[in-house]
Amino acid sequence: MRVMLKLVLDCEPDGAWRAIRSPDVLRAVSAPLMRFTPLTSDGGWPAQWPEGEHPARVSAAGVVPLGEQVIRIGYPDAPEPGVRMLRDSGYGRSGVFTLVREWEHTMAVSEAPGGGTLYRDRLRFDAGPLTPLMWPMYWAFWQWRAWRMRRLSLSW
């Protein structure tokens, strides 16, 4: 099942690229609906996502525990010049996240015609027979992310 966004953000592509690689921006676009807490030995995340696995505890509104997931970051080659991409192919370690068998979240930024940044966001997931039940929740959360990104992009 897929959830997709295509937005024009009011910022330069370099600013959007820095933003989508930032754990702080992940937390900002998810708040207050979801809260991500790093599960690292030092209790923090880097300023920018390096490639690799980044475990996190996730809660709804910072109150209801949802479980643990691994955010697995990669930077695939772009299909066309001027496009920069980030992909999370993570997985659930506990809680509701273990219901999802396949997860691929890809974000891409490029210059928008007429200025600003073309931001494309695609989530592809599979939770077996639960997929149709989970899709509306992911769709609604992605709409929240889009609203937050539009607002936050003014400062990127």
Protein backbone atom coordinates (compact mmCIF):
# COMPACT_ATOMS: atom_id res chain seq x y z
CA MET A 1 0.00 0.00 0.00
CA ARG A 2 1.24 3.52 -0.72
CA VAL A 3 0.89 7.01 0.66
CA MET A 4 2.34 9.82 -1.44
CA LEU A 5 2.85 13.56 -1.15
CA LYS A 6 3.98 16.09 -3.71
CA LEU A 7 4.46 19.62 -2.39
CA VAL A 8 6.17 22.83 -3.34
CA LEU A 9 7.96 24.15 -0.27
CA ASP A 10 8.80 27.81 0.23
CA CYS A 11 12.56 27.33 0.60
CA GLU A 12 15.66 26.57 -1.42
CA PRO A 13 16.39 22.92 -2.27
CA ASP A 14 19.59 23.01 -0.16
CA GLY A 15 17.55 24.04 2.90
CA ALA A 16 14.99 21.30 2.31
CA TRP A 17 17.79 18.76 1.84
CA ARG A 18 19.36 19.72 5.18
CA ALA A 19 15.93 19.53 6.79
CA ILE A 20 14.90 16.05 5.62
CA ARG A 21 18.27 14.69 6.80
CA SER A 22 17.74 16.11 10.30
CA PRO A 23 16.40 14.02 13.20
CA ASP A 24 15.20 17.30 14.74
CA VAL A 25 12.99 17.92 11.70
CA LEU A 26 11.60 14.37 11.93
CA ARG A 27 10.55 15.17 15.49
CA ALA A 28 9.19 18.60 14.52
CA VAL A 29 7.03 17.38 11.62
CA SER A 30 5.73 14.47 13.73
CA ALA A 31 4.89 16.48 16.84
CA PRO A 32 2.65 16.46 18.74
CA LEU A 33 1.04 13.36 17.24
CA MET A 34 4.14 11.16 17.47
CA ARG A 35 7.27 11.43 19.55
CA PHE A 36 10.57 9.78 18.57
CA THR A 37 13.18 9.18 21.27
CA PRO A 38 16.64 7.88 20.32
CA LEU A 39 17.75 4.56 21.82
CA THR A 40 21.48 5.17 21.62
CA SER A 41 24.10 4.76 24.31
CA ASP A 42 24.60 8.53 24.48
CA GLY A 43 20.84 9.25 24.34
CA GLY A 44 21.03 11.44 21.25
CA TRP A 45 21.01 11.55 17.48
CA PRO A 46 23.47 13.31 15.19
CA ALA A 47 22.63 16.63 13.58
CA GLN A 48 22.21 14.88 10.20
CA TRP A 49 21.24 11.25 9.53
CA PRO A 50 24.25 9.17 8.50
CA GLU A 51 23.62 6.00 6.55
CA GLY A 52 22.84 3.10 8.84
CA GLU A 53 20.45 2.02 11.58
CA HIS A 54 19.08 4.35 14.23
CA PRO A 55 16.85 2.74 16.90
CA ALA A 56 14.01 4.79 18.38
CA ARG A 57 11.21 4.50 20.88
CA VAL A 58 7.96 5.93 19.55
CA SER A 59 4.96 7.14 21.48
CA ALA A 60 1.66 8.72 20.53
CA ALA A 61 1.51 12.29 21.80
CA GLY A 62 4.49 11.49 24.00
CA VAL A 63 2.19 9.53 26.31
CA VAL A 64 1.03 6.23 24.79
CA PRO A 65 3.93 3.85 24.03
CA LEU A 66 3.71 2.41 20.51
CA GLY A 67 6.94 0.40 20.50
CA GLU A 68 10.44 0.54 19.12
CA GLN A 69 11.53 0.85 15.54
CA VAL A 70 14.79 1.07 13.66
CA ILE A 71 15.14 3.94 11.22
CA ARG A 72 17.46 2.58 8.50
CA ILE A 73 18.79 5.48 6.45
CA GLY A 74 20.22 5.22 2.96
CA TYR A 75 20.95 7.72 0.22
CA PRO A 76 20.05 6.07 -3.11
CA ASP A 77 21.17 7.42 -6.45
CA ALA A 78 18.59 9.78 -7.90
CA PRO A 79 16.79 8.82 -11.11
CA GLU A 80 17.45 12.24 -12.64
CA PRO A 81 19.96 15.10 -12.27
CA GLY A 82 19.21 17.70 -9.59
CA VAL A 83 17.24 15.29 -7.37
CA ARG A 84 18.49 14.28 -3.92
CA MET A 85 16.94 11.32 -2.11
CA LEU A 86 16.79 9.83 1.37
CA ARG A 87 15.29 6.39 2.03
CA ASP A 88 14.24 4.82 5.32
CA SER A 89 13.88 1.06 4.97
CA GLY A 90 13.59 0.44 8.69
CA TYR A 91 11.69 -2.13 10.67
CA GLY A 92 9.81 -2.59 13.91
CA ARG A 93 11.49 -4.11 16.97
CA SER A 94 8.49 -4.11 19.29
CA GLY A 95 4.89 -2.97 19.69
CA VAL A 96 2.69 -2.03 16.76
CA PHE A 97 5.69 -1.61 14.48
CA THR A 98 6.23 -5.37 14.34
CA LEU A 99 2.93 -5.65 12.44
CA VAL A 100 4.54 -4.00 9.42
CA ARG A 101 6.42 -6.55 7.32
CA GLU A 102 7.79 -4.15 4.74
CA TRP A 103 8.60 -0.43 5.08
CA GLU A 104 10.08 1.89 2.49
CA HIS A 105 9.83 5.64 3.03
CA THR A 106 11.52 7.71 0.31
CA MET A 107 11.84 11.49 0.29
CA ALA A 108 13.18 13.49 -2.66
CA VAL A 109 13.92 17.18 -3.13
CA SER A 110 14.69 19.16 -6.26
CA GLU A 111 14.23 22.66 -7.58
CA ALA A 112 10.59 23.44 -8.35
CA PRO A 113 9.63 25.12 -11.62
CA GLY A 114 9.16 28.78 -10.75
CA GLY A 115 11.25 28.59 -7.58
CA GLY A 116 11.14 26.87 -4.23
CA THR A 117 11.56 23.16 -3.67
CA LEU A 118 9.64 20.27 -5.13
CA TYR A 119 9.30 17.79 -2.27
CA ARG A 120 8.13 14.26 -3.03
CA ASP A 121 7.41 11.77 -0.27
CA ARG A 122 6.40 8.15 -0.81
CA LEU A 123 5.64 5.55 1.82
CA ARG A 124 5.24 1.95 0.72
CA PHE A 125 4.34 -0.54 3.42
CA ASP A 126 2.89 -3.99 3.89
CA ALA A 127 1.26 -5.26 7.06
CA GLY A 128 -0.37 -8.31 5.54
CA PRO A 129 -4.12 -8.51 6.15
CA LEU A 130 -3.90 -5.44 8.42
CA THR A 131 -2.64 -3.21 5.60
CA PRO A 132 -6.07 -1.78 4.62
CA LEU A 133 -6.79 -1.00 8.28
CA MET A 134 -3.45 0.75 8.79
CA TRP A 135 -3.54 2.77 5.57
CA PRO A 136 -6.00 5.46 6.82
CA MET A 137 -3.82 6.07 9.90
CA TYR A 138 -0.67 6.46 7.81
CA TRP A 139 -2.50 8.62 5.27
CA ALA A 140 -3.75 10.95 8.02
CA PHE A 141 -0.30 11.16 9.60
CA TRP A 142 1.25 11.96 6.20
CA GLN A 143 -1.24 14.82 5.75
CA TRP A 144 -0.15 16.17 9.14
CA ARG A 145 3.50 15.88 8.07
CA ALA A 146 2.73 17.81 4.87
CA TRP A 147 1.05 20.62 6.80
CA ARG A 148 3.95 20.83 9.25
CA MET A 149 6.54 20.74 6.44
CA ARG A 150 4.88 23.62 4.63
CA ARG A 151 4.93 25.71 7.79
CA LEU A 152 8.46 24.78 8.87
CA SER A 153 9.94 25.18 5.39
CA LEU A 154 9.59 28.94 5.70
CA SER A 155 12.60 28.84 8.07
CA TRP A 156 14.73 26.37 6.03
